[in-house]
Amino acid sequence: MNPAETLASRLEGVFTAIQNERMAGIPLLNLELRVEAVGFSEFEGRPLGVLITPWLMNLVLFPAENEDWSRLEVGGRKSHEFPSGPRDFVVNAFDGLGICQTQALYSPMFGFKAQESARLMARRIMDGLMVFKAPEERLDEKRLERFINGEETAQSDNVAPVQGGAPAQIARSDFIRGKFSR
């Protein structure tokens, strides 16, 4: 087993224990799903993959073999560059795993009707990370987060072009529900 596969196996064990010991009976669980580590391989020497659980799906990044993350503040954020663009991760520490970095993808998981559909999405996410996107094609995650949280209020951030070139107001609730598209 290579280092990425070994970490994936440990990750599954740790999160299966979390499910059994701390999450049992919580209504947030999609009981059609189980804990599974998907697509773990090395990217720039760091093990990277997707963790599926009945309550969340996260990208998980571990340090390279000779990399020391012990001075990173748990709960802090760190950005990493992928061919598809930058991704922000949160520093975490788990008993049995040590320090890793995670990026939330889905939670709760009720949109997935079966393990196979969650696994397929995890593989699509991993494949998508490795597809180069020019800077103008990349989603500005930080700006999107500020918009959703109501922090961006400048006129230019609250209007979008429509047919004929006239601006139209975007309701934040419509944006969040996916009713806004360019």
N, C-alpha and C. Protein backbone atom coordinates (compact mmCIF):
# COMPACT_ATOMS: atom_id res chain seq x y z
N MET A 1 0.84 -1.18 0.00
CA MET A 1 0.00 0.00 0.00
C MET A 1 0.89 1.24 0.00
N ASN A 2 0.60 2.21 -0.88
CA ASN A 2 1.38 3.44 -0.91
C ASN A 2 0.92 4.37 0.23
N PRO A 3 1.68 5.43 0.54
CA PRO A 3 1.33 6.31 1.66
C PRO A 3 -0.08 6.91 1.56
N ALA A 4 -0.51 7.30 0.36
CA ALA A 4 -1.85 7.87 0.20
C ALA A 4 -2.93 6.84 0.53
N GLU A 5 -2.75 5.60 0.08
CA GLU A 5 -3.72 4.54 0.36
C GLU A 5 -3.74 4.20 1.84
N THR A 6 -2.58 4.21 2.48
CA THR A 6 -2.49 3.95 3.92
C THR A 6 -3.25 5.01 4.71
N LEU A 7 -3.03 6.29 4.35
CA LEU A 7 -3.75 7.37 5.03
C LEU A 7 -5.25 7.29 4.77
N ALA A 8 -5.65 6.93 3.56
CA ALA A 8 -7.07 6.78 3.23
C ALA A 8 -7.70 5.71 4.11
N SER A 9 -7.02 4.62 4.31
CA SER A 9 -7.52 3.54 5.16
C SER A 9 -7.66 4.00 6.62
N ARG A 10 -6.66 4.70 7.11
CA ARG A 10 -6.72 5.24 8.47
C ARG A 10 -7.85 6.26 8.60
N LEU A 11 -8.02 7.12 7.59
CA LEU A 11 -9.08 8.11 7.58
C LEU A 11 -10.46 7.44 7.69
N GLU A 12 -10.66 6.38 6.92
CA GLU A 12 -11.92 5.63 7.00
C GLU A 12 -12.13 5.07 8.39
N GLY A 13 -11.09 4.52 9.00
CA GLY A 13 -11.21 3.97 10.35
C GLY A 13 -11.56 5.02 11.38
N VAL A 14 -10.89 6.17 11.32
CA VAL A 14 -11.14 7.25 12.28
C VAL A 14 -12.56 7.77 12.13
N PHE A 15 -13.02 7.99 10.90
CA PHE A 15 -14.36 8.55 10.71
C PHE A 15 -15.47 7.52 10.92
N THR A 16 -15.18 6.25 10.73
CA THR A 16 -16.16 5.22 11.08
C THR A 16 -16.34 5.20 12.60
N ALA A 17 -15.24 5.34 13.34
CA ALA A 17 -15.33 5.42 14.81
C ALA A 17 -16.10 6.66 15.24
N ILE A 18 -15.84 7.80 14.59
CA ILE A 18 -16.58 9.03 14.91
C ILE A 18 -18.08 8.81 14.67
N GLN A 19 -18.42 8.18 13.56
CA GLN A 19 -19.83 7.92 13.26
C GLN A 19 -20.45 7.04 14.34
N ASN A 20 -19.77 5.97 14.71
CA ASN A 20 -20.32 5.03 15.68
C ASN A 20 -20.36 5.58 17.10
N GLU A 21 -19.38 6.39 17.47
CA GLU A 21 -19.27 6.86 18.85
C GLU A 21 -19.92 8.21 19.09
N ARG A 22 -19.88 9.11 18.12
CA ARG A 22 -20.35 10.48 18.36
C ARG A 22 -21.55 10.89 17.52
N MET A 23 -21.77 10.23 16.41
CA MET A 23 -22.83 10.68 15.50
C MET A 23 -24.08 9.79 15.54
N ALA A 24 -24.01 8.67 16.23
CA ALA A 24 -25.13 7.72 16.27
C ALA A 24 -26.41 8.42 16.72
N GLY A 25 -27.46 8.24 15.94
CA GLY A 25 -28.77 8.78 16.29
C GLY A 25 -29.00 10.23 15.92
N ILE A 26 -28.01 10.89 15.38
CA ILE A 26 -28.17 12.28 14.99
C ILE A 26 -28.92 12.34 13.66
N PRO A 27 -29.98 13.15 13.56
CA PRO A 27 -30.79 13.17 12.34
C PRO A 27 -30.09 13.73 11.11
N LEU A 28 -28.88 14.22 11.26
CA LEU A 28 -28.11 14.77 10.14
C LEU A 28 -27.56 13.67 9.23
N LEU A 29 -27.62 12.41 9.68
CA LEU A 29 -27.02 11.31 8.93
C LEU A 29 -27.91 10.82 7.80
N ASN A 30 -27.31 10.63 6.63
CA ASN A 30 -27.97 9.97 5.52
C ASN A 30 -27.60 8.49 5.65
N LEU A 31 -28.52 7.68 6.11
CA LEU A 31 -28.23 6.28 6.41
C LEU A 31 -28.02 5.41 5.18
N GLU A 32 -28.19 6.01 3.99
CA GLU A 32 -27.90 5.29 2.75
C GLU A 32 -26.40 5.32 2.44
N LEU A 33 -25.65 6.14 3.17
CA LEU A 33 -24.22 6.31 2.91
C LEU A 33 -23.38 5.72 4.03
N ARG A 34 -22.12 5.45 3.69
CA ARG A 34 -21.16 4.97 4.68
C ARG A 34 -19.85 5.74 4.50
N VAL A 35 -18.97 5.64 5.46
CA VAL A 35 -17.68 6.30 5.39
C VAL A 35 -16.83 5.64 4.31
N GLU A 36 -16.26 6.47 3.43
CA GLU A 36 -15.39 5.96 2.37
C GLU A 36 -14.42 7.05 1.93
N ALA A 37 -13.17 6.68 1.77
CA ALA A 37 -12.15 7.58 1.22
C ALA A 37 -12.02 7.27 -0.26
N VAL A 38 -12.14 8.30 -1.10
CA VAL A 38 -12.19 8.11 -2.55
C VAL A 38 -11.07 8.90 -3.23
N GLY A 39 -10.40 8.25 -4.18
CA GLY A 39 -9.47 8.94 -5.07
C GLY A 39 -8.16 9.37 -4.45
N PHE A 40 -7.77 8.80 -3.35
CA PHE A 40 -6.56 9.26 -2.70
C PHE A 40 -5.32 8.91 -3.52
N SER A 41 -4.56 9.95 -3.78
CA SER A 41 -3.29 9.84 -4.49
C SER A 41 -2.45 11.03 -4.05
N GLU A 42 -1.25 11.12 -4.56
CA GLU A 42 -0.39 12.23 -4.17
C GLU A 42 -0.48 13.36 -5.19
N PHE A 43 -0.59 14.57 -4.68
CA PHE A 43 -0.51 15.77 -5.50
C PHE A 43 0.60 16.62 -4.91
N GLU A 44 1.63 16.85 -5.69
CA GLU A 44 2.81 17.58 -5.24
C GLU A 44 3.36 16.99 -3.94
N GLY A 45 3.36 15.66 -3.87
CA GLY A 45 3.92 14.94 -2.73
C GLY A 45 2.98 14.82 -1.54
N ARG A 46 1.80 15.42 -1.61
CA ARG A 46 0.85 15.39 -0.50
C ARG A 46 -0.32 14.46 -0.82
N PRO A 47 -0.65 13.55 0.08
CA PRO A 47 -1.84 12.72 -0.13
C PRO A 47 -3.10 13.59 -0.13
N LEU A 48 -3.95 13.37 -1.13
CA LEU A 48 -5.16 14.16 -1.34
C LEU A 48 -6.27 13.25 -1.83
N GLY A 49 -7.47 13.46 -1.31
CA GLY A 49 -8.62 12.70 -1.76
C GLY A 49 -9.89 13.27 -1.17
N VAL A 50 -10.98 12.54 -1.37
CA VAL A 50 -12.28 12.97 -0.87
C VAL A 50 -12.76 11.97 0.18
N LEU A 51 -13.25 12.51 1.28
CA LEU A 51 -13.86 11.71 2.34
C LEU A 51 -15.37 11.84 2.23
N ILE A 52 -16.03 10.69 2.11
CA ILE A 52 -17.50 10.63 2.13
C ILE A 52 -17.90 10.08 3.49
N THR A 53 -18.84 10.73 4.14
CA THR A 53 -19.45 10.21 5.35
C THR A 53 -20.96 10.40 5.21
N PRO A 54 -21.76 9.81 6.09
CA PRO A 54 -23.20 10.04 6.03
C PRO A 54 -23.61 11.47 6.38
N TRP A 55 -22.68 12.30 6.86
CA TRP A 55 -23.03 13.67 7.24
C TRP A 55 -22.27 14.73 6.46
N LEU A 56 -21.18 14.38 5.77
CA LEU A 56 -20.43 15.38 5.00
C LEU A 56 -19.57 14.74 3.93
N MET A 57 -19.14 15.58 2.99
CA MET A 57 -18.14 15.20 2.00
C MET A 57 -17.10 16.31 2.00
N ASN A 58 -15.83 15.93 2.21
CA ASN A 58 -14.73 16.90 2.27
C ASN A 58 -13.57 16.47 1.40
N LEU A 59 -12.88 17.47 0.84
CA LEU A 59 -11.54 17.22 0.31
C LEU A 59 -10.63 17.13 1.53
N VAL A 60 -9.69 16.21 1.52
CA VAL A 60 -8.76 16.06 2.63
C VAL A 60 -7.34 16.03 2.08
N LEU A 61 -6.49 16.85 2.67
CA LEU A 61 -5.09 16.98 2.24
C LEU A 61 -4.20 16.70 3.45
N PHE A 62 -3.23 15.83 3.27
CA PHE A 62 -2.26 15.50 4.31
C PHE A 62 -0.90 16.06 3.93
N PRO A 63 -0.03 16.28 4.92
CA PRO A 63 1.31 16.79 4.59
C PRO A 63 2.14 15.75 3.83
N ALA A 64 3.07 16.26 3.06
CA ALA A 64 4.02 15.38 2.38
C ALA A 64 4.86 14.66 3.44
N GLU A 65 5.52 13.61 3.04
CA GLU A 65 6.28 12.77 3.97
C GLU A 65 7.24 13.56 4.86
N ASN A 66 7.96 14.51 4.31
CA ASN A 66 8.94 15.27 5.10
C ASN A 66 8.47 16.69 5.41
N GLU A 67 7.16 16.91 5.40
CA GLU A 67 6.60 18.23 5.64
C GLU A 67 6.02 18.28 7.06
N ASP A 68 6.33 19.36 7.79
CA ASP A 68 5.88 19.51 9.17
C ASP A 68 4.78 20.56 9.23
N TRP A 69 3.57 20.13 9.57
CA TRP A 69 2.45 21.04 9.72
C TRP A 69 2.12 21.30 11.19
N SER A 70 2.99 20.88 12.10
CA SER A 70 2.69 20.98 13.53
C SER A 70 2.54 22.41 14.02
N ARG A 71 3.07 23.37 13.31
CA ARG A 71 2.96 24.77 13.73
C ARG A 71 1.74 25.48 13.15
N LEU A 72 1.00 24.79 12.29
CA LEU A 72 -0.22 25.38 11.75
C LEU A 72 -1.28 25.41 12.84
N GLU A 73 -2.03 26.51 12.89
CA GLU A 73 -3.07 26.66 13.91
C GLU A 73 -4.33 25.91 13.49
N VAL A 74 -4.77 24.99 14.35
CA VAL A 74 -6.01 24.26 14.08
C VAL A 74 -7.15 25.27 13.98
N GLY A 75 -7.93 25.17 12.92
CA GLY A 75 -9.00 26.12 12.66
C GLY A 75 -8.58 27.22 11.70
N GLY A 76 -7.27 27.36 11.49
CA GLY A 76 -6.78 28.36 10.55
C GLY A 76 -7.03 27.94 9.11
N ARG A 77 -6.88 28.87 8.21
CA ARG A 77 -7.10 28.60 6.78
C ARG A 77 -5.77 28.64 6.03
N LYS A 78 -5.72 27.80 5.00
CA LYS A 78 -4.53 27.77 4.15
C LYS A 78 -5.00 27.53 2.72
N SER A 79 -4.46 28.28 1.79
CA SER A 79 -4.83 28.14 0.38
C SER A 79 -3.80 27.28 -0.34
N HIS A 80 -4.29 26.44 -1.24
CA HIS A 80 -3.42 25.59 -2.06
C HIS A 80 -3.83 25.76 -3.53
N GLU A 81 -2.85 25.78 -4.39
CA GLU A 81 -3.08 25.97 -5.82
C GLU A 81 -3.17 24.60 -6.51
N PHE A 82 -4.22 24.42 -7.28
CA PHE A 82 -4.43 23.23 -8.08
C PHE A 82 -4.53 23.66 -9.54
N PRO A 83 -4.42 22.74 -10.48
CA PRO A 83 -4.55 23.14 -11.89
C PRO A 83 -5.86 23.88 -12.17
N SER A 84 -6.93 23.53 -11.45
CA SER A 84 -8.21 24.20 -11.67
C SER A 84 -8.30 25.55 -10.96
N GLY A 85 -7.33 25.85 -10.10
CA GLY A 85 -7.34 27.12 -9.37
C GLY A 85 -7.10 26.92 -7.90
N PRO A 86 -7.07 28.00 -7.14
CA PRO A 86 -6.81 27.92 -5.70
C PRO A 86 -8.01 27.36 -4.94
N ARG A 87 -7.72 26.66 -3.86
CA ARG A 87 -8.75 26.14 -2.95
C ARG A 87 -8.33 26.46 -1.53
N ASP A 88 -9.26 26.93 -0.73
CA ASP A 88 -9.00 27.22 0.67
C ASP A 88 -9.36 26.01 1.53
N PHE A 89 -8.47 25.67 2.43
CA PHE A 89 -8.64 24.54 3.34
C PHE A 89 -8.61 25.04 4.77
N VAL A 90 -9.21 24.28 5.66
CA VAL A 90 -9.17 24.54 7.10
C VAL A 90 -8.24 23.51 7.73
N VAL A 91 -7.37 23.96 8.62
CA VAL A 91 -6.45 23.07 9.32
C VAL A 91 -7.22 22.33 10.41
N ASN A 92 -7.10 21.01 10.44
CA ASN A 92 -7.77 20.16 11.42
C ASN A 92 -6.77 19.20 12.02
N ALA A 93 -7.13 18.63 13.16
CA ALA A 93 -6.34 17.58 13.79
C ALA A 93 -7.31 16.53 14.32
N PHE A 94 -7.03 15.28 14.02
CA PHE A 94 -7.88 14.18 14.46
C PHE A 94 -7.02 13.13 15.14
N ASP A 95 -7.51 12.61 16.27
CA ASP A 95 -6.81 11.51 16.93
C ASP A 95 -6.70 10.35 15.94
N GLY A 96 -5.54 9.78 15.83
CA GLY A 96 -5.31 8.67 14.92
C GLY A 96 -4.86 9.10 13.53
N LEU A 97 -4.94 10.39 13.24
CA LEU A 97 -4.54 10.90 11.92
C LEU A 97 -3.50 11.99 12.02
N GLY A 98 -3.59 12.81 13.03
CA GLY A 98 -2.73 13.97 13.14
C GLY A 98 -3.32 15.14 12.39
N ILE A 99 -2.45 16.04 11.95
CA ILE A 99 -2.90 17.25 11.28
C ILE A 99 -3.15 16.99 9.81
N CYS A 100 -4.28 17.52 9.34
CA CYS A 100 -4.62 17.48 7.93
C CYS A 100 -5.35 18.78 7.62
N GLN A 101 -5.67 18.97 6.37
CA GLN A 101 -6.43 20.14 5.96
C GLN A 101 -7.64 19.66 5.18
N THR A 102 -8.78 20.31 5.44
CA THR A 102 -10.03 19.88 4.80
C THR A 102 -10.73 21.06 4.14
N GLN A 103 -11.47 20.73 3.09
CA GLN A 103 -12.36 21.71 2.46
C GLN A 103 -13.73 21.06 2.36
N ALA A 104 -14.72 21.70 2.96
CA ALA A 104 -16.10 21.20 2.92
C ALA A 104 -16.63 21.25 1.49
N LEU A 105 -17.23 20.15 1.07
CA LEU A 105 -17.84 20.08 -0.26
C LEU A 105 -19.36 20.00 -0.17
N TYR A 106 -19.87 19.10 0.68
CA TYR A 106 -21.30 18.92 0.87
C TYR A 106 -21.59 18.61 2.33
N SER A 107 -22.65 19.19 2.84
CA SER A 107 -23.19 18.85 4.15
C SER A 107 -24.49 19.62 4.30
N PRO A 108 -25.56 18.96 4.62
CA PRO A 108 -25.71 17.53 4.84
C PRO A 108 -25.67 16.76 3.52
N MET A 109 -25.81 15.46 3.62
CA MET A 109 -25.62 14.58 2.47
C MET A 109 -26.93 13.99 1.93
N PHE A 110 -28.05 14.59 2.24
CA PHE A 110 -29.33 14.03 1.83
C PHE A 110 -29.57 14.10 0.33
N GLY A 111 -28.78 14.86 -0.41
CA GLY A 111 -28.91 14.93 -1.86
C GLY A 111 -28.40 13.69 -2.56
N PHE A 112 -27.71 12.84 -1.83
CA PHE A 112 -27.16 11.61 -2.41
C PHE A 112 -28.04 10.44 -1.99
N LYS A 113 -28.60 9.75 -2.98
CA LYS A 113 -29.54 8.66 -2.69
C LYS A 113 -28.86 7.32 -2.46
N ALA A 114 -27.57 7.22 -2.86
CA ALA A 114 -26.85 5.96 -2.71
C ALA A 114 -25.35 6.24 -2.63
N GLN A 115 -24.62 5.28 -2.09
CA GLN A 115 -23.16 5.42 -1.97
C GLN A 115 -22.52 5.63 -3.34
N GLU A 116 -23.01 4.95 -4.34
CA GLU A 116 -22.42 5.08 -5.67
C GLU A 116 -22.53 6.50 -6.21
N SER A 117 -23.64 7.18 -5.96
CA SER A 117 -23.78 8.56 -6.45
C SER A 117 -22.81 9.49 -5.71
N ALA A 118 -22.61 9.28 -4.43
CA ALA A 118 -21.63 10.08 -3.68
C ALA A 118 -20.22 9.79 -4.18
N ARG A 119 -19.94 8.53 -4.42
CA ARG A 119 -18.61 8.13 -4.93
C ARG A 119 -18.35 8.74 -6.30
N LEU A 120 -19.35 8.73 -7.16
CA LEU A 120 -19.22 9.32 -8.49
C LEU A 120 -18.92 10.82 -8.39
N MET A 121 -19.62 11.53 -7.50
CA MET A 121 -19.38 12.96 -7.32
C MET A 121 -17.96 13.18 -6.79
N ALA A 122 -17.52 12.37 -5.85
CA ALA A 122 -16.16 12.50 -5.31
C ALA A 122 -15.12 12.34 -6.42
N ARG A 123 -15.32 11.38 -7.30
CA ARG A 123 -14.37 11.17 -8.41
C ARG A 123 -14.41 12.35 -9.38
N ARG A 124 -15.60 12.88 -9.63
CA ARG A 124 -15.71 14.05 -10.52
C ARG A 124 -14.98 15.25 -9.92
N ILE A 125 -15.10 15.43 -8.61
CA ILE A 125 -14.41 16.53 -7.94
C ILE A 125 -12.90 16.35 -8.06
N MET A 126 -12.41 15.16 -7.80
CA MET A 126 -10.96 14.91 -7.91
C MET A 126 -10.48 15.14 -9.35
N ASP A 127 -11.23 14.65 -10.32
CA ASP A 127 -10.85 14.86 -11.72
C ASP A 127 -10.87 16.35 -12.06
N GLY A 128 -11.89 17.07 -11.59
CA GLY A 128 -12.01 18.49 -11.88
C GLY A 128 -10.89 19.33 -11.28
N LEU A 129 -10.35 18.90 -10.15
CA LEU A 129 -9.23 19.63 -9.54
C LEU A 129 -8.02 19.67 -10.46
N MET A 130 -7.86 18.63 -11.25
CA MET A 130 -6.65 18.49 -12.05
C MET A 130 -6.80 19.02 -13.47
N VAL A 131 -7.93 19.66 -13.78
CA VAL A 131 -8.14 20.25 -15.09
C VAL A 131 -7.77 21.73 -15.03
N PHE A 132 -6.84 22.13 -15.87
CA PHE A 132 -6.38 23.52 -15.87
C PHE A 132 -7.50 24.45 -16.28
N LYS A 133 -7.64 25.55 -15.54
CA LYS A 133 -8.57 26.61 -15.90
C LYS A 133 -7.80 27.92 -15.90
N ALA A 134 -8.00 28.70 -16.94
CA ALA A 134 -7.39 30.03 -17.01
C ALA A 134 -7.98 30.87 -15.88
N PRO A 135 -7.23 31.84 -15.38
CA PRO A 135 -7.73 32.66 -14.26
C PRO A 135 -9.12 33.26 -14.49
N GLU A 136 -9.44 33.67 -15.70
CA GLU A 136 -10.75 34.27 -15.95
C GLU A 136 -11.88 33.23 -15.92
N GLU A 137 -11.56 31.94 -15.97
CA GLU A 137 -12.58 30.89 -15.91
C GLU A 137 -12.80 30.37 -14.50
N ARG A 138 -11.98 30.78 -13.55
CA ARG A 138 -12.04 30.24 -12.19
C ARG A 138 -13.10 30.94 -11.36
N LEU A 139 -13.73 30.18 -10.50
CA LEU A 139 -14.68 30.72 -9.55
C LEU A 139 -13.92 31.42 -8.43
N ASP A 140 -14.27 32.64 -8.14
CA ASP A 140 -13.66 33.38 -7.04
C ASP A 140 -14.40 33.00 -5.76
N GLU A 141 -13.93 31.93 -5.09
CA GLU A 141 -14.62 31.38 -3.93
C GLU A 141 -14.72 32.39 -2.79
N LYS A 142 -13.69 33.18 -2.57
CA LYS A 142 -13.72 34.15 -1.48
C LYS A 142 -14.77 35.22 -1.74
N ARG A 143 -14.86 35.69 -2.97
CA ARG A 143 -15.85 36.71 -3.30
C ARG A 143 -17.26 36.13 -3.21
N LEU A 144 -17.44 34.90 -3.68
CA LEU A 144 -18.75 34.24 -3.59
C LEU A 144 -19.17 34.10 -2.13
N GLU A 145 -18.24 33.69 -1.27
CA GLU A 145 -18.55 33.53 0.15
C GLU A 145 -18.95 34.88 0.76
N ARG A 146 -18.22 35.95 0.42
CA ARG A 146 -18.58 37.27 0.94
C ARG A 146 -19.97 37.68 0.46
N PHE A 147 -20.30 37.40 -0.80
CA PHE A 147 -21.61 37.74 -1.35
C PHE A 147 -22.71 36.98 -0.63
N ILE A 148 -22.54 35.67 -0.45
CA ILE A 148 -23.55 34.85 0.21
C ILE A 148 -23.75 35.30 1.66
N ASN A 149 -22.67 35.72 2.31
CA ASN A 149 -22.76 36.18 3.69
C ASN A 149 -23.21 37.62 3.81
N GLY A 150 -23.49 38.28 2.68
CA GLY A 150 -23.99 39.65 2.71
C GLY A 150 -22.92 40.69 2.94
N GLU A 151 -21.66 40.33 2.77
CA GLU A 151 -20.57 41.25 3.04
C GLU A 151 -20.23 42.14 1.85
N GLU A 152 -20.56 41.72 0.64
CA GLU A 152 -20.28 42.53 -0.55
C GLU A 152 -21.53 43.32 -0.87
N THR A 153 -21.44 44.63 -0.73
CA THR A 153 -22.61 45.47 -0.95
C THR A 153 -22.41 46.52 -2.02
N ALA A 154 -21.23 46.59 -2.60
CA ALA A 154 -20.99 47.59 -3.65
C ALA A 154 -21.96 47.35 -4.79
N GLN A 155 -22.44 48.43 -5.41
CA GLN A 155 -23.41 48.32 -6.50
C GLN A 155 -22.95 47.35 -7.57
N SER A 156 -21.67 47.39 -7.94
CA SER A 156 -21.19 46.51 -9.00
C SER A 156 -21.21 45.05 -8.60
N ASP A 157 -21.24 44.76 -7.30
CA ASP A 157 -21.28 43.37 -6.85
C ASP A 157 -22.70 42.85 -6.74
N ASN A 158 -23.71 43.71 -6.84
CA ASN A 158 -25.09 43.29 -6.66
C ASN A 158 -25.91 43.34 -7.94
N VAL A 159 -25.29 43.63 -9.05
CA VAL A 159 -26.01 43.65 -10.31
C VAL A 159 -25.36 42.70 -11.29
N ALA A 160 -26.15 42.22 -12.21
CA ALA A 160 -25.64 41.32 -13.24
C ALA A 160 -26.21 41.74 -14.57
N PRO A 161 -25.46 41.55 -15.66
CA PRO A 161 -26.00 41.91 -16.96
C PRO A 161 -27.13 40.96 -17.36
N VAL A 162 -28.07 41.50 -18.07
CA VAL A 162 -29.14 40.69 -18.65
C VAL A 162 -29.21 41.01 -20.13
N GLN A 163 -30.06 40.31 -20.85
CA GLN A 163 -30.17 40.57 -22.28
C GLN A 163 -30.46 42.04 -22.53
N GLY A 164 -29.81 42.58 -23.50
CA GLY A 164 -29.98 43.98 -23.84
C GLY A 164 -29.03 44.88 -23.08
N GLY A 165 -28.24 44.31 -22.18
CA GLY A 165 -27.23 45.08 -21.48
C GLY A 165 -27.71 45.82 -20.25
N ALA A 166 -29.01 45.80 -19.94
CA ALA A 166 -29.52 46.50 -18.75
C ALA A 166 -29.22 45.67 -17.51
N PRO A 167 -28.76 46.32 -16.44
CA PRO A 167 -28.48 45.57 -15.21
C PRO A 167 -29.78 45.14 -14.53
N ALA A 168 -29.70 44.05 -13.78
CA ALA A 168 -30.83 43.56 -13.00
C ALA A 168 -30.34 43.22 -11.61
N GLN A 169 -31.13 43.52 -10.61
CA GLN A 169 -30.76 43.20 -9.23
C GLN A 169 -30.80 41.68 -9.04
N ILE A 170 -29.85 41.17 -8.28
CA ILE A 170 -29.81 39.75 -7.95
C ILE A 170 -30.23 39.61 -6.50
N ALA A 171 -31.24 38.85 -6.24
CA ALA A 171 -31.63 38.58 -4.86
C ALA A 171 -30.67 37.51 -4.32
N ARG A 172 -30.10 37.79 -3.17
CA ARG A 172 -29.15 36.85 -2.56
C ARG A 172 -29.80 35.47 -2.40
N SER A 173 -31.09 35.42 -2.01
CA SER A 173 -31.77 34.14 -1.83
C SER A 173 -31.88 33.39 -3.16
N ASP A 174 -32.09 34.11 -4.27
CA ASP A 174 -32.13 33.47 -5.58
C ASP A 174 -30.76 32.91 -5.95
N PHE A 175 -29.72 33.66 -5.62
CA PHE A 175 -28.37 33.22 -5.93
C PHE A 175 -28.06 31.93 -5.18
N ILE A 176 -28.39 31.91 -3.90
CA ILE A 176 -28.11 30.74 -3.07
C ILE A 176 -28.89 29.54 -3.57
N ARG A 177 -30.12 29.74 -4.01
CA ARG A 177 -30.95 28.63 -4.50
C ARG A 177 -30.59 28.21 -5.92
N GLY A 178 -29.59 28.84 -6.52
CA GLY A 178 -29.17 28.45 -7.85
C GLY A 178 -30.00 29.05 -8.96
N LYS A 179 -30.79 30.08 -8.68
CA LYS A 179 -31.63 30.68 -9.71
C LYS A 179 -30.89 31.70 -10.54
N PHE A 180 -29.67 32.06 -10.13
CA PHE A 180 -28.89 33.04 -10.86
C PHE A 180 -27.88 32.32 -11.72
N SER A 181 -27.78 32.71 -12.97
CA SER A 181 -26.72 32.19 -13.84
C SER A 181 -26.37 33.28 -14.82
N ARG A 182 -25.17 33.21 -15.32
CA ARG A 182 -24.72 34.19 -16.30
C ARG A 182 -24.88 33.66 -17.68
